[in-house]
């Protein structure tokens, strides 16, 4: 166990749950910034519907529900997730398949990604990705030797993730498929997969994704619009050009909170996928830098927790924390990259900042799981120190 963790554990005299104040502070800061920016980005749209704070109220309600969910998850020992990982895998695949069934899955804007829960829509892929990654973390612990020494040990879990990604592509949800596969491969690499196998699979994956990207007319249209959005700024390149205009207007310190022009029905999805562009316009480079630092801080801290768990002999817990860090950083990077025109448009939210009920609930629940890993690592550290003192 690291010196920092051991010192923290030795200095803790209380029993019960042990929270990580750094994770809580970073996540809270991002969540609060998200509430402010969702309000600013949506107020005009919401006012047109009769309630200027409609989206703020809903985002705030689901933030509170998500915090409660995270608190519940934190009280569940990770051993239960490990023991039920195969059941969680089945649930994840059933959820991804269910959205494709007529009258079960709900379609929005041509994509069938949602399950209808009463009056609410729940995006199945958000929860399914977490369940699939929990299964993967369990697999790499159980089959560690096979993963490190045999190509088949690497291909088998990749096949499971590939099948899930295929279901996501049928929805279609190309972005979620990329995030799932990339995060899964990252976890397997950390678990000791051979570098040669890792590079071969990555090369095959890149080629496969490229072929998938050009196999559909709408994906090709997105790619060409991304490469030169100004060639058709009022049609295929409209969303990206409006986002770039918003970011460019922000300059160093922004035009001021609430003073965005692009959110006034120019920039589509201003409060969801493109809330980062509104933030850049209103808070400028200073606001971008703050958000990037907070995201990097959360990713770095999760990897520190993963390292501490590994040093304490908690392999499954270590991979869980690492999976969160990889997923969070990757999805945030993709969302920011899309907003800045560095990547083709994807329907991915900016975690904790974008308006999105499913994304918010799942992200806060996963943070609860990350805090549980920290708690179990600290608890084992205290037990080890007490045992050494006898």
Protein backbone atom coordinates (compact mmCIF):
# COMPACT_ATOMS: atom_id res chain seq x y z
CA UNK A 1 0.00 0.00 0.00
CA UNK A 2 1.26 3.48 -0.79
CA UNK A 3 2.61 5.72 1.94
CA UNK A 4 -0.24 8.21 1.41
CA UNK A 5 -2.89 5.53 1.80
CA UNK A 6 -1.21 3.95 4.80
CA UNK A 7 -0.86 7.29 6.56
CA UNK A 8 -4.48 8.15 5.85
CA UNK A 9 -5.62 4.76 7.12
CA UNK A 10 -3.48 4.99 10.27
CA UNK A 11 -4.85 8.42 11.07
CA UNK A 12 -8.46 7.34 10.77
CA UNK A 13 -9.94 6.34 14.10
CA UNK A 14 -13.59 6.20 13.22
CA UNK A 15 -15.46 3.17 11.99
CA UNK A 16 -17.99 3.22 9.15
CA UNK A 17 -17.70 4.46 5.60
CA UNK A 18 -14.56 6.31 4.60
CA UNK A 19 -15.15 8.93 1.93
CA UNK A 20 -12.59 10.35 -0.46
CA UNK A 21 -12.95 14.15 -0.13
CA UNK A 22 -11.02 14.75 -3.36
CA UNK A 23 -13.40 12.67 -5.49
CA UNK A 24 -16.41 14.28 -3.81
CA UNK A 25 -15.02 17.80 -4.30
CA UNK A 26 -14.13 17.27 -7.97
CA UNK A 27 -17.43 15.57 -8.84
CA UNK A 28 -19.41 18.22 -6.94
CA UNK A 29 -17.62 21.04 -8.76
CA UNK A 30 -18.36 19.50 -12.17
CA UNK A 31 -21.97 18.81 -11.18
CA UNK A 32 -22.53 22.40 -10.00
CA UNK A 33 -20.94 23.85 -13.13
CA UNK A 34 -23.17 21.53 -15.13
CA UNK A 35 -26.30 22.78 -13.37
CA UNK A 36 -25.34 26.40 -14.10
CA UNK A 37 -24.50 25.74 -17.75
CA UNK A 38 -27.57 23.57 -18.41
CA UNK A 39 -29.70 26.40 -17.02
CA UNK A 40 -27.96 29.01 -19.15
CA UNK A 41 -28.00 26.89 -22.32
CA UNK A 42 -31.65 25.85 -22.00
CA UNK A 43 -33.39 28.91 -20.55
CA UNK A 44 -34.48 30.29 -23.93
CA UNK A 45 -35.72 26.94 -25.17
CA UNK A 46 -37.51 26.27 -21.88
CA UNK A 47 -39.07 29.75 -21.84
CA UNK A 48 -40.58 29.05 -25.25
CA UNK A 49 -42.30 26.03 -23.66
CA UNK A 50 -43.61 28.12 -20.75
CA UNK A 51 -41.13 27.44 -17.91
CA UNK A 52 -37.64 29.03 -18.14
CA UNK A 53 -36.25 26.71 -15.46
CA UNK A 54 -37.81 23.47 -16.73
CA UNK A 55 -34.49 21.80 -17.57
CA UNK A 56 -32.79 23.09 -14.42
CA UNK A 57 -35.55 21.61 -12.25
CA UNK A 58 -35.32 18.23 -13.95
CA UNK A 59 -31.51 18.21 -13.88
CA UNK A 60 -31.54 19.14 -10.19
CA UNK A 61 -34.07 16.42 -9.34
CA UNK A 62 -32.06 13.76 -11.15
CA UNK A 63 -28.85 15.05 -9.57
CA UNK A 64 -30.37 14.45 -6.14
CA UNK A 65 -31.67 11.03 -7.21
CA UNK A 66 -28.25 10.21 -8.62
CA UNK A 67 -26.52 11.24 -5.39
CA UNK A 68 -28.91 9.00 -3.47
CA UNK A 69 -28.17 6.16 -5.91
CA UNK A 70 -24.44 6.72 -5.45
CA UNK A 71 -24.89 6.60 -1.66
CA UNK A 72 -26.76 3.30 -1.96
CA UNK A 73 -24.10 1.82 -4.29
CA UNK A 74 -21.36 2.90 -1.89
CA UNK A 75 -22.91 0.77 0.85
CA UNK A 76 -22.85 -2.39 -1.28
CA UNK A 77 -19.64 -4.43 -0.86
CA UNK A 78 -17.87 -4.87 -4.20
CA UNK A 79 -17.73 -8.63 -3.64
CA UNK A 80 -21.45 -8.76 -4.53
CA UNK A 81 -20.77 -7.14 -7.88
CA UNK A 82 -17.95 -9.61 -8.49
CA UNK A 83 -20.05 -12.66 -7.57
CA UNK A 84 -22.98 -11.58 -9.75
CA UNK A 85 -20.89 -10.36 -12.70
CA UNK A 86 -22.21 -13.01 -15.11
CA UNK A 87 -25.81 -12.16 -14.21
CA UNK A 88 -25.00 -8.48 -14.75
CA UNK A 89 -23.59 -9.39 -18.17
CA UNK A 90 -26.85 -11.10 -19.14
CA UNK A 91 -28.88 -8.14 -17.89
CA UNK A 92 -26.72 -5.74 -19.93
CA UNK A 93 -27.13 -7.74 -23.15
CA UNK A 94 -30.88 -8.12 -22.58
CA UNK A 95 -31.19 -4.35 -22.11
CA UNK A 96 -29.28 -3.65 -25.32
CA UNK A 97 -31.39 -6.15 -27.24
CA UNK A 98 -34.68 -4.97 -25.70
CA UNK A 99 -34.39 -1.46 -27.14
CA UNK A 100 -34.40 -2.98 -30.63
CA UNK A 101 -37.76 -4.71 -30.08
CA UNK A 102 -40.74 -2.78 -31.50
CA UNK A 103 -43.10 -1.40 -28.81
CA UNK A 104 -40.40 -2.07 -26.16
CA UNK A 105 -37.60 0.20 -27.29
CA UNK A 106 -38.43 3.89 -27.74
CA UNK A 107 -37.15 5.82 -30.75
CA UNK A 108 -36.00 9.46 -30.60
CA UNK A 109 -34.60 11.32 -33.62
CA UNK A 110 -34.29 8.07 -35.58
CA UNK A 111 -32.27 6.23 -32.92
CA UNK A 112 -33.76 3.40 -30.89
CA UNK A 113 -31.74 3.71 -27.66
CA UNK A 114 -34.35 4.15 -24.93
CA UNK A 115 -36.53 1.95 -22.75
CA UNK A 116 -39.82 3.45 -21.67
CA UNK A 117 -40.22 3.51 -17.87
CA UNK A 118 -43.63 5.01 -17.22
CA UNK A 119 -43.43 8.61 -18.39
CA UNK A 120 -39.63 8.56 -18.53
CA UNK A 121 -37.16 7.32 -21.14
CA UNK A 122 -34.04 5.52 -19.91
CA UNK A 123 -31.05 5.11 -22.22
CA UNK A 124 -30.16 1.44 -21.84
CA UNK A 125 -26.61 1.79 -23.14
CA UNK A 126 -25.58 4.01 -20.21
CA UNK A 127 -26.28 1.34 -17.58
CA UNK A 128 -25.33 -1.56 -19.87
CA UNK A 129 -21.80 -0.20 -20.34
CA UNK A 130 -21.20 -0.17 -16.58
CA UNK A 131 -22.55 -3.71 -16.14
CA UNK A 132 -20.41 -4.97 -19.03
CA UNK A 133 -17.29 -3.37 -17.58
CA UNK A 134 -18.03 -4.87 -14.14
CA UNK A 135 -18.16 -8.28 -15.82
CA UNK A 136 -14.89 -7.55 -17.64
CA UNK A 137 -13.17 -6.56 -14.37
CA UNK A 138 -14.32 -9.84 -12.85
CA UNK A 139 -13.10 -11.78 -15.90
CA UNK A 140 -9.58 -10.34 -15.90
CA UNK A 141 -9.22 -11.31 -12.22
CA UNK A 142 -10.52 -14.86 -12.73
CA UNK A 143 -8.61 -15.47 -15.97
CA UNK A 144 -5.54 -13.37 -15.28
CA UNK A 145 -3.02 -16.04 -16.28
CA UNK A 146 -4.90 -16.94 -19.46
CA UNK A 147 -5.22 -13.27 -20.39
CA UNK A 148 -1.49 -12.70 -19.99
CA UNK A 149 -0.25 -15.83 -21.77
CA UNK A 150 -2.81 -16.75 -24.45
CA UNK A 151 -4.33 -14.84 -27.33
CA UNK A 152 -7.61 -16.67 -26.72
CA UNK A 153 -7.74 -15.24 -23.20
CA UNK A 154 -7.73 -11.79 -24.77
CA UNK A 155 -10.13 -12.56 -27.61
CA UNK A 156 -12.92 -14.12 -25.50
CA UNK A 157 -13.81 -11.00 -23.45
CA UNK A 158 -13.23 -8.88 -26.54
CA UNK A 159 -15.82 -11.00 -28.33
CA UNK A 160 -18.37 -10.26 -25.59
CA UNK A 161 -17.65 -6.53 -25.81
CA UNK A 162 -17.72 -6.72 -29.61
CA UNK A 163 -21.17 -8.33 -29.56
CA UNK A 164 -22.44 -5.61 -27.22
CA UNK A 165 -20.89 -2.95 -29.46
CA UNK A 166 -22.67 -4.54 -32.44
CA UNK A 167 -26.00 -4.16 -30.63
CA UNK A 168 -25.12 -0.53 -29.99
CA UNK A 169 -24.35 0.01 -33.66
CA UNK A 170 -27.76 -1.37 -34.65
CA UNK A 171 -29.52 1.26 -32.46
CA UNK A 172 -27.46 3.15 -33.93
CA UNK A 173 -25.04 4.42 -31.26
CA UNK A 174 -21.57 4.38 -32.76
CA UNK A 175 -20.07 6.61 -30.06
CA UNK A 176 -21.10 4.38 -27.15
CA UNK A 177 -19.72 1.35 -28.97
CA UNK A 178 -16.34 3.04 -29.41
CA UNK A 179 -16.22 4.11 -25.76
CA UNK A 180 -17.15 0.60 -24.54
CA UNK A 181 -14.55 -1.18 -26.67
CA UNK A 182 -11.79 1.32 -25.94
CA UNK A 183 -12.41 1.26 -22.19
CA UNK A 184 -12.55 -2.55 -22.19
CA UNK A 185 -9.30 -2.86 -24.12
CA UNK A 186 -7.69 -0.37 -21.73
CA UNK A 187 -8.72 -2.46 -18.71
CA UNK A 188 -7.35 -5.64 -20.31
CA UNK A 189 -4.07 -3.89 -21.08
CA UNK A 190 -3.77 -2.83 -17.43
CA UNK A 191 -4.54 -6.41 -16.42
CA UNK A 192 -1.45 -7.62 -18.28
CA UNK A 193 -2.55 -8.49 -21.80
CA UNK A 194 0.44 -9.00 -24.10
CA UNK A 195 1.51 -5.83 -25.86
CA UNK A 196 1.69 -7.73 -29.16
CA UNK A 197 -1.89 -8.95 -28.85
CA UNK A 198 -2.96 -5.52 -27.70
CA UNK A 199 -1.43 -3.82 -30.75
CA UNK A 200 -2.84 -6.42 -33.18
CA UNK A 201 -6.36 -6.10 -31.79
CA UNK A 202 -6.10 -2.30 -31.74
CA UNK A 203 -5.03 -2.29 -35.41
CA UNK A 204 -7.90 -4.63 -36.34
CA UNK A 205 -10.27 -2.49 -34.27
CA UNK A 206 -9.23 0.73 -35.99
CA UNK A 207 -9.68 -0.85 -39.42
CA UNK A 208 -13.02 -2.35 -38.37
CA UNK A 209 -14.31 0.94 -37.01
CA UNK A 210 -13.22 2.71 -40.18
CA UNK A 211 -15.10 0.19 -42.32
CA UNK A 212 -18.19 0.53 -40.12
CA UNK A 213 -17.96 4.30 -40.30
CA UNK A 214 -18.02 4.30 -44.12
CA UNK A 215 -20.61 1.52 -44.41
CA UNK A 216 -23.53 3.84 -43.67
CA UNK A 217 -24.55 6.88 -45.70
CA UNK A 218 -25.36 9.01 -42.65
CA UNK A 219 -21.99 8.19 -41.04
CA UNK A 220 -20.17 9.12 -44.25
CA UNK A 221 -22.11 12.38 -44.30
CA UNK A 222 -21.05 13.06 -40.71
CA UNK A 223 -17.41 12.35 -41.54
CA UNK A 224 -17.36 14.64 -44.56
CA UNK A 225 -19.14 17.37 -42.59
CA UNK A 226 -16.55 17.03 -39.82
CA UNK A 227 -13.62 17.33 -42.24
CA UNK A 228 -14.96 20.51 -43.84
CA UNK A 229 -18.09 21.81 -42.09
CA UNK A 230 -17.86 25.18 -43.87
CA UNK A 231 -18.48 23.48 -47.22
CA UNK A 232 -22.14 23.11 -46.25
CA UNK A 233 -22.61 25.38 -43.21
CA UNK A 234 -26.41 25.48 -43.41
CA UNK A 235 -27.00 21.73 -43.72
CA UNK A 236 -24.60 18.89 -42.86
CA UNK A 237 -22.06 21.22 -41.26
CA UNK A 238 -24.56 23.42 -39.43
CA UNK A 239 -24.14 22.00 -35.92
CA UNK A 240 -20.36 22.03 -36.00
CA UNK A 241 -20.05 25.50 -37.52
CA UNK A 242 -22.38 26.92 -34.88
CA UNK A 243 -20.32 25.20 -32.16
CA UNK A 244 -17.08 26.62 -33.57
CA UNK A 245 -18.60 30.11 -33.73
CA UNK A 246 -19.62 29.79 -30.06
CA UNK A 247 -16.15 28.68 -28.98
CA UNK A 248 -14.49 31.39 -31.06
CA UNK A 249 -16.68 34.12 -29.55
CA UNK A 250 -15.62 33.12 -26.04
CA UNK A 251 -11.96 34.15 -26.52
CA UNK A 252 -10.09 34.38 -23.17
CA UNK A 253 -12.74 35.16 -20.54
CA UNK A 254 -16.00 34.73 -22.43
CA UNK A 255 -18.91 37.01 -23.24
CA UNK A 256 -20.38 36.58 -19.77
CA UNK A 257 -22.61 34.02 -18.07
CA UNK A 258 -26.00 33.94 -19.76
CA UNK A 259 -24.87 36.14 -22.67
CA UNK A 260 -24.40 33.40 -25.27
CA UNK A 261 -25.89 34.18 -28.67
CA UNK A 262 -25.43 30.72 -30.20
CA UNK A 263 -27.77 29.09 -27.69
CA UNK A 264 -30.63 31.26 -29.03
CA UNK A 265 -31.88 28.54 -31.41
CA UNK A 266 -28.68 28.63 -33.51
CA UNK A 267 -26.80 25.75 -31.86
CA UNK A 268 -28.79 22.48 -31.81
CA UNK A 269 -28.64 20.41 -28.60
CA UNK A 270 -27.07 23.35 -26.76
CA UNK A 271 -27.94 21.98 -23.31
CA UNK A 272 -27.03 18.34 -24.02
CA UNK A 273 -24.24 17.28 -26.39
CA UNK A 274 -23.01 20.84 -27.05
CA UNK A 275 -23.16 22.40 -23.60
CA UNK A 276 -19.36 22.62 -23.71
CA UNK A 277 -19.61 25.07 -26.64
CA UNK A 278 -21.98 27.30 -24.65
CA UNK A 279 -19.61 27.14 -21.68
CA UNK A 280 -16.72 28.15 -23.95
CA UNK A 281 -18.72 31.09 -25.35
CA UNK A 282 -19.84 32.41 -21.97
CA UNK A 283 -16.77 31.65 -19.82
CA UNK A 284 -14.06 31.61 -22.49
CA UNK A 285 -10.72 29.84 -22.31
CA UNK A 286 -10.72 30.31 -18.54
CA UNK A 287 -13.91 28.25 -18.23
CA UNK A 288 -12.59 25.58 -20.60
CA UNK A 289 -9.36 25.32 -18.62
CA UNK A 290 -11.24 24.95 -15.34
CA UNK A 291 -13.45 22.15 -16.67
CA UNK A 292 -10.51 20.34 -18.29
CA UNK A 293 -8.52 20.50 -15.05
CA UNK A 294 -11.47 19.18 -13.04
CA UNK A 295 -11.96 16.30 -15.49
CA UNK A 296 -8.25 15.47 -15.47
CA UNK A 297 -8.23 15.68 -11.67
CA UNK A 298 -11.12 13.22 -11.39
CA UNK A 299 -9.47 10.83 -13.85
CA UNK A 300 -6.11 11.09 -12.08
CA UNK A 301 -7.65 10.54 -8.65
CA UNK A 302 -9.57 7.48 -9.83
CA UNK A 303 -6.32 6.00 -11.19
CA UNK A 304 -4.62 6.73 -7.86
CA UNK A 305 -7.43 4.85 -6.09
CA UNK A 306 -6.95 2.01 -8.58
CA UNK A 307 -3.22 1.89 -7.81
CA UNK A 308 -3.80 1.94 -4.06
CA UNK A 309 -6.36 -0.87 -4.36
CA UNK A 310 -3.90 -2.95 -6.40
CA UNK A 311 -1.17 -2.40 -3.80
CA UNK A 312 -3.63 -3.54 -1.12
CA UNK A 313 -4.26 -6.76 -3.06
CA UNK A 314 -7.77 -5.77 -4.19
CA UNK A 315 -7.48 -6.59 -7.88
CA UNK A 316 -11.15 -6.51 -8.83
CA UNK A 317 -11.65 -3.22 -7.04
CA UNK A 318 -8.52 -1.81 -8.70
CA UNK A 319 -9.84 -2.60 -12.18
CA UNK A 320 -13.23 -1.08 -11.32
CA UNK A 321 -11.60 2.22 -10.36
CA UNK A 322 -9.36 2.15 -13.44
CA UNK A 323 -12.36 1.42 -15.70
CA UNK A 324 -14.15 4.48 -14.32
CA UNK A 325 -11.13 6.69 -14.92
CA UNK A 326 -10.63 5.47 -18.48
CA UNK A 327 -14.34 5.74 -19.33
CA UNK A 328 -14.82 9.19 -17.77
CA UNK A 329 -11.73 10.68 -19.38
CA UNK A 330 -12.44 9.10 -22.77
CA UNK A 331 -16.07 10.21 -22.98
CA UNK A 332 -15.21 13.74 -21.81
CA UNK A 333 -12.40 13.94 -24.37
CA UNK A 334 -14.68 12.75 -27.18
CA UNK A 335 -17.42 15.23 -26.26
CA UNK A 336 -14.98 18.14 -26.10
CA UNK A 337 -13.32 16.99 -29.32
CA UNK A 338 -16.67 16.89 -31.11
CA UNK A 339 -17.53 20.40 -29.89
CA UNK A 340 -14.19 21.74 -31.13
CA UNK A 341 -14.33 19.95 -34.49
CA UNK A 342 -11.48 17.57 -33.65
CA UNK A 343 -13.71 14.49 -33.94
CA UNK A 344 -16.80 13.56 -35.97
CA UNK A 345 -20.14 14.31 -34.32
CA UNK A 346 -21.20 11.68 -31.77
CA UNK A 347 -24.26 11.58 -29.54
CA UNK A 348 -22.23 11.45 -26.32
CA UNK A 349 -22.84 13.67 -23.31
CA UNK A 350 -20.19 15.45 -21.28
CA UNK A 351 -20.38 13.49 -17.99
CA UNK A 352 -21.83 15.47 -15.04
CA UNK A 353 -22.21 18.62 -17.18
CA UNK A 354 -24.61 17.82 -20.02
CA UNK A 355 -28.36 17.58 -19.53
CA UNK A 356 -29.24 13.90 -19.58
CA UNK A 357 -31.12 11.88 -17.00
CA UNK A 358 -29.72 8.44 -17.81
CA UNK A 359 -26.14 9.68 -18.11
CA UNK A 360 -26.36 11.63 -14.86
CA UNK A 361 -27.85 8.77 -12.83
CA UNK A 362 -25.34 6.22 -14.11
CA UNK A 363 -22.33 8.52 -13.67
CA UNK A 364 -23.24 9.38 -10.07
CA UNK A 365 -23.94 5.72 -9.34
CA UNK A 366 -20.52 4.79 -10.70
CA UNK A 367 -18.90 7.48 -8.57
CA UNK A 368 -20.55 5.76 -5.61
CA UNK A 369 -18.86 2.53 -6.70
CA UNK A 370 -15.53 4.36 -6.97
CA UNK A 371 -15.99 5.69 -3.42
CA UNK A 372 -16.74 2.13 -2.28
CA UNK A 373 -13.41 0.98 -3.74
CA UNK A 374 -11.66 3.77 -1.82
CA UNK A 375 -13.48 2.76 1.37
CA UNK A 376 -12.51 -0.92 1.05
CA UNK A 377 -8.90 0.00 0.28
CA UNK A 378 -8.69 2.24 3.34
CA UNK A 379 -10.42 -0.36 5.52
CA UNK A 380 -7.97 -3.06 4.50
CA UNK A 381 -5.11 -0.65 5.15
CA UNK A 382 -6.34 -0.07 8.70
CA UNK A 383 -6.71 -3.82 9.27
CA UNK A 384 -3.18 -4.40 7.97
CA UNK A 385 -1.74 -1.70 10.24
CA UNK A 386 -3.56 -3.08 13.26
CA UNK A 387 -2.35 -6.59 12.48
CA UNK A 388 1.23 -5.36 12.17
CA UNK A 389 0.96 -3.67 15.56
CA UNK A 390 0.13 -6.86 17.42
